[in-house]
Each structure stands twice: as structure tokens, then as C-alpha cells.
């Protein structure tokens, strides 16, 4: 299944996972209006294509004002984004997601995937967020936490603790992770 970031964030939001406010735009003028409505100071304008590596390919840019959001959206919309996942032909950008900027202390990686070998789900996490997880797996596999879990109505508390403390979170942060992972787990199970 291929979903754009704006669609994924809508699904996450609907399942109780906190995500920054944001809206889709298809023109630079719409991007400016969204930035004005968000009233967040800094916004992030993100190309909506089915590929990773968007930031490195110039498809994700910060804007400090609605006028700047319009300018960067005009640079991104209509571009052919080329990344390691698109191949040389690239992908034409027809939509951008304008999202409220966030203060980022550190980035973490978190996913739930089907582990065909164990016939279970795997909660995967890493302290190496913001980079391609495949590179981390090849370069530093010890930095990847993987916990097998059966599909079901609720995520077992031990999974949250193992992942949270493995990421170096404190007890309060592990509690917040529980809410996030719980919503992610419900979404994964409900939408298969």
C-alpha cells in the first residue's frame, strides 16, 4: 500500500497519535494560505511523492513566513524529485504538505512491520532517526531494536518498556511512547 505523508498523518491523527498540524496544498498560493492559517512561525513544506530521501533531494524546505512558504512551494511543485528510491526518472511533485515546524531535540526511528520469518509483527526502533534505516542496519545493526509481538487488540506493556528504555528514554518519555505506540499498533491492526 502506498500512502502519501499527508494521508499517513491523517490516519495517525484519527487513531490518537499526536502529529504536527498540517494541510495539503497544490499551488504556491495555497501553501501560503495554509502557512498563514497554521500561524506557527516556521513551517515545513514537503513534497508529496511515494519515495524516501525527499529532504536530500530538495523536496523538503523550511519557511519562516507565509510568503516564504509560497516561494519554496513554487520551487518544489512541478519539480521532478530524484532520490535513491525514485530511480533516475524521478517523480513529478504535484502536491506539498505544509506542516507546523517543531523544535527537534533528537530524531528517533519507529515502525511496525510484518516479520514474515517469525509470522509476527515486529516493533522496530533506533536512535538513528532521520536517516535511511537500511543504512543503519548495514552500518550499525546493534543500533536497531526489534521486538516481536502478536497482532491483537492492544500492544503489551513490555514491548513499550523494551523499546523505550532501549532508546534511552526516561520513565516519563516511556509513558508518552506508550500512547504513541498504542495508537500506531491500533492503526496497524485496524488497517492491516
Protein backbone atom coordinates (compact mmCIF):
# COMPACT_ATOMS: atom_id res chain seq x y z
CA UNK A 1 0.00 0.00 0.00
CA UNK A 2 1.34 3.42 -0.93
CA UNK A 3 0.17 6.43 1.05
CA UNK A 4 1.50 9.94 0.98
CA UNK A 5 2.74 11.56 4.18
CA UNK A 6 -0.37 13.75 4.49
CA UNK A 7 -2.58 10.64 4.23
CA UNK A 8 -0.49 8.75 6.79
CA UNK A 9 -0.64 11.66 9.22
CA UNK A 10 -4.41 11.79 8.81
CA UNK A 11 -4.63 8.11 9.70
CA UNK A 12 -2.29 8.57 12.67
CA UNK A 13 -4.30 11.55 13.91
CA UNK A 14 -7.54 9.53 13.61
CA UNK A 15 -6.01 6.84 15.83
CA UNK A 16 -4.92 9.19 18.59
CA UNK A 17 -1.28 9.66 17.60
CA UNK A 18 -0.10 13.24 18.08
CA UNK A 19 1.24 14.74 14.86
CA UNK A 20 2.02 18.37 13.99
CA UNK A 21 -0.78 20.36 12.38
CA UNK A 22 -0.57 20.50 8.61
CA UNK A 23 -2.56 20.70 5.38
CA UNK A 24 -2.17 19.73 1.75
CA UNK A 25 -1.53 22.37 -0.92
CA UNK A 26 -1.46 22.04 -4.70
CA UNK A 27 -0.40 25.61 -5.57
CA UNK A 28 2.09 28.08 -4.08
CA UNK A 29 -0.83 30.38 -3.13
CA UNK A 30 -2.50 27.53 -1.23
CA UNK A 31 0.80 26.82 0.58
CA UNK A 32 0.96 30.48 1.63
CA UNK A 33 -2.63 30.36 2.91
CA UNK A 34 -2.01 27.13 4.84
CA UNK A 35 1.10 28.65 6.45
CA UNK A 36 -0.96 31.70 7.41
CA UNK A 37 -3.69 29.51 8.98
CA UNK A 38 -1.18 27.39 10.87
CA UNK A 39 0.31 30.57 12.38
CA UNK A 40 3.27 28.51 13.55
CA UNK A 41 6.13 30.85 12.74
CA UNK A 42 8.20 28.21 10.97
CA UNK A 43 6.53 25.71 8.64
CA UNK A 44 7.94 22.81 6.67
CA UNK A 45 6.95 22.46 3.02
CA UNK A 46 7.22 18.81 1.95
CA UNK A 47 6.93 17.23 -1.49
CA UNK A 48 4.29 14.50 -1.56
CA UNK A 49 5.70 11.67 -3.65
CA UNK A 50 5.99 7.96 -2.93
CA UNK A 51 9.70 7.94 -2.16
CA UNK A 52 12.12 8.41 0.69
CA UNK A 53 15.09 10.72 0.57
CA UNK A 54 12.91 13.75 -0.17
CA UNK A 55 14.90 16.10 2.03
CA UNK A 56 18.25 15.26 0.48
CA UNK A 57 16.67 15.67 -2.98
CA UNK A 58 15.43 19.20 -2.24
CA UNK A 59 11.82 18.21 -1.64
CA UNK A 60 11.59 19.38 1.99
CA UNK A 61 12.26 23.00 2.94
CA UNK A 62 11.71 25.27 5.92
CA UNK A 63 9.84 28.54 5.58
CA UNK A 64 9.78 31.30 8.22
CA UNK A 65 6.77 33.17 6.87
CA UNK A 66 3.70 32.56 4.69
CA UNK A 67 5.40 34.45 1.83
CA UNK A 68 8.45 32.21 2.12
CA UNK A 69 6.17 29.14 2.17
CA UNK A 70 4.74 30.35 -1.14
CA UNK A 71 8.24 30.81 -2.59
CA UNK A 72 9.57 27.39 -1.54
CA UNK A 73 6.34 25.69 -2.63
CA UNK A 74 6.86 27.24 -6.09
CA UNK A 75 10.33 25.66 -6.15
CA UNK A 76 9.06 22.22 -5.10
CA UNK A 77 5.79 21.99 -7.02
CA UNK A 78 6.41 20.86 -10.58
CA UNK A 79 9.94 19.63 -9.87
CA UNK A 80 10.99 16.11 -10.74
CA UNK A 81 12.27 14.78 -7.43
CA UNK A 82 15.08 12.27 -7.78
CA UNK A 83 16.26 10.22 -4.84
CA UNK A 84 17.74 6.79 -4.26
CA UNK A 85 14.18 5.42 -4.16
CA UNK A 86 12.83 7.05 -7.33
CA UNK A 87 15.49 5.97 -9.77
CA UNK A 88 16.85 8.33 -12.41
CA UNK A 89 13.40 9.04 -13.87
CA UNK A 90 12.30 10.64 -10.57
CA UNK A 91 8.76 11.58 -9.55
CA UNK A 92 6.84 14.71 -10.52
CA UNK A 93 5.73 16.72 -7.47
CA UNK A 94 2.09 17.79 -7.76
CA UNK A 95 1.30 18.34 -4.06
CA UNK A 96 3.06 19.64 -0.98
CA UNK A 97 2.23 19.17 2.66
CA UNK A 98 2.67 22.32 4.73
CA UNK A 99 3.24 21.43 8.37
CA UNK A 100 3.90 23.41 11.54
CA UNK A 101 7.59 23.33 12.40
CA UNK A 102 8.75 21.55 15.56
CA UNK A 103 11.67 22.07 17.89
CA UNK A 104 13.65 18.86 17.50
CA UNK A 105 16.00 17.77 20.26
CA UNK A 106 16.71 14.42 18.61
CA UNK A 107 15.20 12.15 15.99
CA UNK A 108 14.26 8.53 16.55
CA UNK A 109 13.09 5.84 14.15
CA UNK A 110 9.96 3.83 14.95
CA UNK A 111 7.99 1.36 12.82
CA UNK A 112 5.74 -1.66 12.98
CA UNK A 113 6.27 -4.19 10.21
CA UNK A 114 5.26 -7.73 9.36
CA UNK A 115 8.10 -10.15 10.12
CA UNK A 116 7.41 -12.99 7.74
CA UNK A 117 10.14 -15.20 9.23
CA UNK A 118 8.54 -15.24 12.70
CA UNK A 119 4.97 -14.81 11.39
CA UNK A 120 4.54 -11.98 13.89
CA UNK A 121 4.69 -8.22 13.90
CA UNK A 122 7.95 -6.50 14.76
CA UNK A 123 8.22 -3.16 16.51
CA UNK A 124 11.45 -1.66 15.20
CA UNK A 125 13.16 1.36 16.71
CA UNK A 126 16.51 3.10 16.53
CA UNK A 127 18.28 6.10 17.99
CA UNK A 128 19.40 6.81 14.43
CA UNK A 129 16.25 8.58 13.29
CA UNK A 130 16.21 10.91 10.33
CA UNK A 131 18.34 8.69 8.14
CA UNK A 132 17.63 5.69 5.98
CA UNK A 133 17.08 2.75 8.30
CA UNK A 134 18.57 0.43 5.70
CA UNK A 135 21.91 2.27 6.05
CA UNK A 136 21.75 1.94 9.85
CA UNK A 137 21.00 -1.78 9.59
CA UNK A 138 24.03 -2.31 7.32
CA UNK A 139 26.41 0.03 9.18
CA UNK A 140 25.35 -0.37 12.83
CA UNK A 141 22.87 -3.23 13.31
CA UNK A 142 23.34 -3.02 17.07
CA UNK A 143 21.53 0.34 16.99
CA UNK A 144 18.31 -1.33 15.86
CA UNK A 145 15.84 -2.58 18.46
CA UNK A 146 13.37 -5.19 17.22
CA UNK A 147 10.67 -6.72 19.40
CA UNK A 148 8.36 -9.44 18.06
CA UNK A 149 4.71 -9.20 19.03
CA UNK A 150 1.48 -10.94 18.10
CA UNK A 151 -1.24 -8.94 16.37
CA UNK A 152 -4.08 -8.18 18.73
CA UNK A 153 -6.26 -5.52 20.28
CA UNK A 154 -3.54 -3.95 22.45
CA UNK A 155 0.21 -3.65 22.49
CA UNK A 156 1.73 -5.43 25.51
CA UNK A 157 3.33 -3.07 28.04
CA UNK A 158 6.62 -4.99 27.98
CA UNK A 159 7.09 -4.05 24.31
CA UNK A 160 6.78 -0.35 25.13
CA UNK A 161 9.25 -0.68 28.03
CA UNK A 162 11.77 -2.67 25.99
CA UNK A 163 11.65 -0.21 23.09
CA UNK A 164 11.54 2.92 25.26
CA UNK A 165 14.40 2.03 27.56
CA UNK A 166 16.35 0.64 24.59
CA UNK A 167 16.08 4.11 23.02
CA UNK A 168 17.39 5.68 26.23
CA UNK A 169 14.10 7.33 27.19
CA UNK A 170 13.32 8.23 30.79
CA UNK A 171 10.24 6.84 32.57
CA UNK A 172 8.05 9.83 31.63
CA UNK A 173 9.06 9.58 27.99
CA UNK A 174 8.36 5.84 28.02
CA UNK A 175 4.82 6.71 29.16
CA UNK A 176 4.45 9.08 26.21
CA UNK A 177 5.87 6.40 23.91
CA UNK A 178 3.18 4.04 25.21
CA UNK A 179 0.44 6.37 23.95
CA UNK A 180 2.16 6.82 20.60
CA UNK A 181 2.93 3.14 20.07
CA UNK A 182 -0.55 2.15 21.27
CA UNK A 183 -2.15 4.34 18.60
CA UNK A 184 0.28 3.10 15.96
CA UNK A 185 -0.45 -0.51 16.92
CA UNK A 186 -4.23 0.03 16.73
CA UNK A 187 -3.85 1.68 13.33
CA UNK A 188 -1.66 -1.15 12.05
CA UNK A 189 -4.14 -3.80 13.18
CA UNK A 190 -7.30 -1.97 12.07
CA UNK A 191 -6.00 -1.05 8.60
CA UNK A 192 -3.97 -4.24 8.09
